[in-house]
Amino acid sequence: MDENHTAHDARAAAVRARTLPVQRLVNRLVRGLLAMPGVSRVVGRRLITLYVVGRKTGRRYTVPVAYLADEGSLLIGTPFAWARNLRSGEPVEVRLLGRRRSADVQVVTDEPGVVAAYALMASRNHQFAAFNRIGLDAAGNPDPVDLHLAWAAGARAIRLTPRPQP
């Protein structure tokens, strides 16, 4: 077994995405900033707020997430459990650039789809790559093994298409 393969096996055992010890506090602060009219235009260039309702519990979650604008939609990647509440074809409420609106949802869970979406997000947003432990080569290309490991650890991609405002 070569050295690179061994390193990747060790990383596979670790939790892929990182969370901060004070994540709830950070999320609350970011949600507040995204709701402020003037500030949201600056902070909201890479962040949106999702309003997610639990499938089984009906509990409401307000989740700030990073997105990548891509072909008229917003691309999100996450391994976290809240995303399992999103369903393709069922709209979700989002706060985008300070305005709350509906968005159509397409959830991607298959390996080729998740790997392609994560590759795009990691190559264009290096903070996303670091958060999800996806290595980048000198040219900024994501490591294919890390992309596979993210999918294997439960990552999914979500494509949101904001609906026109009335």
Protein backbone atom coordinates (compact mmCIF):
# COMPACT_ATOMS: atom_id res chain seq x y z
CA MET A 1 0.00 0.00 0.00
CA ASP A 2 1.47 3.35 -1.00
CA GLU A 3 1.90 6.33 1.30
CA ASN A 4 -0.87 8.40 -0.33
CA HIS A 5 -3.40 5.59 -0.02
CA THR A 6 -2.57 5.14 3.67
CA ALA A 7 -3.00 8.87 4.31
CA HIS A 8 -6.39 8.83 2.61
CA ASP A 9 -7.50 5.80 4.65
CA ALA A 10 -6.59 7.65 7.85
CA ARG A 11 -8.60 10.68 6.74
CA ALA A 12 -11.58 8.47 5.85
CA ALA A 13 -11.85 7.41 9.49
CA ALA A 14 -12.11 11.03 10.63
CA VAL A 15 -15.25 13.10 10.49
CA ARG A 16 -15.15 14.89 7.15
CA ALA A 17 -16.68 18.32 7.75
CA ARG A 18 -15.59 20.46 10.66
CA THR A 19 -17.83 22.20 13.12
CA LEU A 20 -16.77 24.85 15.55
CA PRO A 21 -17.15 24.22 19.29
CA VAL A 22 -19.31 27.36 19.44
CA GLN A 23 -21.25 26.61 16.23
CA ARG A 24 -24.65 27.55 17.68
CA LEU A 25 -23.39 30.97 18.71
CA VAL A 26 -21.73 31.54 15.34
CA ASN A 27 -24.90 30.46 13.51
CA ARG A 28 -27.02 32.83 15.60
CA LEU A 29 -24.65 35.73 14.83
CA VAL A 30 -24.60 34.94 11.10
CA ARG A 31 -28.40 34.61 10.96
CA GLY A 32 -28.68 38.06 12.54
CA LEU A 33 -26.26 39.58 10.04
CA LEU A 34 -28.08 37.98 7.11
CA ALA A 35 -31.36 39.50 8.33
CA MET A 36 -29.99 43.08 8.50
CA PRO A 37 -30.90 44.98 5.31
CA GLY A 38 -27.60 46.77 4.60
CA VAL A 39 -25.24 44.17 6.03
CA SER A 40 -26.94 41.24 4.29
CA ARG A 41 -25.83 42.46 0.86
CA VAL A 42 -22.18 42.10 1.91
CA VAL A 43 -22.41 39.00 4.12
CA GLY A 44 -24.92 37.40 1.75
CA ARG A 45 -22.55 37.22 -1.20
CA ARG A 46 -21.65 33.69 -0.14
CA LEU A 47 -24.17 32.94 2.63
CA ILE A 48 -27.93 32.38 2.73
CA THR A 49 -30.34 31.36 5.44
CA LEU A 50 -32.44 28.25 4.87
CA TYR A 51 -35.72 27.75 6.72
CA VAL A 52 -36.08 23.99 7.02
CA VAL A 53 -38.97 22.05 8.61
CA GLY A 54 -38.22 18.64 10.12
CA ARG A 55 -39.93 15.82 8.21
CA LYS A 56 -40.84 13.80 11.30
CA THR A 57 -40.92 16.35 14.11
CA GLY A 58 -42.18 19.46 12.33
CA ARG A 59 -39.45 21.37 14.16
CA ARG A 60 -38.25 24.49 12.36
CA TYR A 61 -34.54 24.98 11.70
CA THR A 62 -32.95 28.23 10.58
CA VAL A 63 -29.62 27.32 9.01
CA PRO A 64 -27.04 29.74 7.59
CA VAL A 65 -25.09 28.03 4.80
CA ALA A 66 -22.51 28.92 2.19
CA TYR A 67 -23.60 28.73 -1.42
CA LEU A 68 -22.12 28.97 -4.87
CA ALA A 69 -24.08 30.80 -7.56
CA ASP A 70 -24.13 28.48 -10.56
CA GLU A 71 -26.21 28.70 -13.73
CA GLY A 72 -29.05 30.71 -12.17
CA SER A 73 -29.26 28.59 -9.04
CA LEU A 74 -27.56 28.28 -5.66
CA LEU A 75 -25.43 25.21 -5.03
CA ILE A 76 -24.99 24.01 -1.44
CA GLY A 77 -23.01 21.06 -0.11
CA THR A 78 -23.38 19.58 3.36
CA PRO A 79 -22.97 16.30 5.24
CA PHE A 80 -25.13 17.45 8.15
CA ALA A 81 -28.44 15.86 9.16
CA TRP A 82 -30.63 18.93 8.62
CA ALA A 83 -30.25 18.46 4.86
CA ARG A 84 -32.16 15.17 5.01
CA ASN A 85 -35.28 17.25 5.58
CA LEU A 86 -35.01 18.71 2.07
CA ARG A 87 -36.74 16.87 -0.77
CA SER A 88 -36.45 17.36 -4.51
CA GLY A 89 -39.60 19.00 -5.81
CA GLU A 90 -40.60 20.46 -2.42
CA PRO A 91 -39.88 24.19 -2.15
CA VAL A 92 -38.02 25.72 0.76
CA GLU A 93 -37.86 29.25 2.13
CA VAL A 94 -34.51 31.06 1.89
CA ARG A 95 -33.20 34.49 2.80
CA LEU A 96 -31.06 35.62 -0.12
CA LEU A 97 -29.39 39.05 -0.03
CA GLY A 98 -31.72 40.17 2.74
CA ARG A 99 -34.98 39.05 1.12
CA ARG A 100 -37.01 36.02 2.11
CA ARG A 101 -38.35 34.00 -0.81
CA SER A 102 -39.22 30.50 -1.98
CA ALA A 103 -36.79 28.30 -3.87
CA ASP A 104 -37.24 25.04 -5.72
CA VAL A 105 -35.09 22.18 -4.41
CA GLN A 106 -33.11 19.49 -6.18
CA VAL A 107 -31.25 17.15 -3.80
CA VAL A 108 -28.29 15.20 -5.19
CA THR A 109 -27.15 12.10 -3.29
CA ASP A 110 -25.61 9.84 -5.96
CA GLU A 111 -21.82 9.61 -5.96
CA PRO A 112 -21.15 11.09 -9.43
CA GLY A 113 -23.52 14.00 -8.78
CA VAL A 114 -22.19 14.81 -5.31
CA VAL A 115 -18.56 14.47 -6.42
CA ALA A 116 -19.14 16.80 -9.40
CA ALA A 117 -20.96 19.39 -7.27
CA TYR A 118 -18.36 19.26 -4.49
CA ALA A 119 -15.55 19.55 -7.07
CA LEU A 120 -17.14 22.71 -8.45
CA MET A 121 -17.74 24.21 -4.99
CA ALA A 122 -14.26 23.30 -3.70
CA SER A 123 -12.46 24.68 -6.74
CA ARG A 124 -14.34 28.01 -6.58
CA ASN A 125 -14.47 28.36 -2.78
CA HIS A 126 -11.34 27.21 -1.00
CA GLN A 127 -12.95 27.80 2.41
CA PHE A 128 -15.59 25.23 1.44
CA ALA A 129 -12.78 22.84 0.51
CA ALA A 130 -11.00 23.35 3.83
CA PHE A 131 -14.22 23.01 5.87
CA ASN A 132 -14.99 19.69 4.13
CA ARG A 133 -11.36 18.52 4.24
CA ILE A 134 -10.97 18.42 0.50
CA GLY A 135 -7.36 18.90 -0.51
CA LEU A 136 -6.47 21.08 -3.47
CA ASP A 137 -3.46 20.70 -5.73
CA ALA A 138 -1.21 23.62 -6.74
CA ALA A 139 -3.60 24.55 -9.54
CA GLY A 140 -6.61 24.60 -7.16
CA ASN A 141 -8.09 21.31 -8.36
CA PRO A 142 -9.80 19.19 -5.67
CA ASP A 143 -8.39 15.79 -4.73
CA PRO A 144 -10.64 13.10 -6.29
CA VAL A 145 -10.14 10.76 -3.33
CA ASP A 146 -11.21 13.48 -0.88
CA LEU A 147 -14.31 14.14 -3.01
CA HIS A 148 -15.20 10.44 -2.86
CA LEU A 149 -14.59 10.37 0.90
CA ALA A 150 -16.91 13.35 1.39
CA TRP A 151 -19.66 11.49 -0.49
CA ALA A 152 -18.95 8.27 1.45
CA ALA A 153 -19.30 10.20 4.73
CA GLY A 154 -22.82 11.32 3.79
CA ALA A 155 -22.31 14.53 1.87
CA ARG A 156 -25.11 15.67 -0.38
CA ALA A 157 -25.48 18.55 -2.79
CA ILE A 158 -28.54 20.76 -2.94
CA ARG A 159 -29.39 22.96 -5.89
CA LEU A 160 -31.82 25.76 -5.03
CA THR A 161 -33.52 27.77 -7.74
CA PRO A 162 -35.02 30.95 -6.25
CA ARG A 163 -38.51 31.68 -7.50
CA PRO A 164 -39.23 35.09 -8.98
CA GLN A 165 -40.58 37.55 -6.45
CA PRO A 166 -44.15 38.74 -7.00
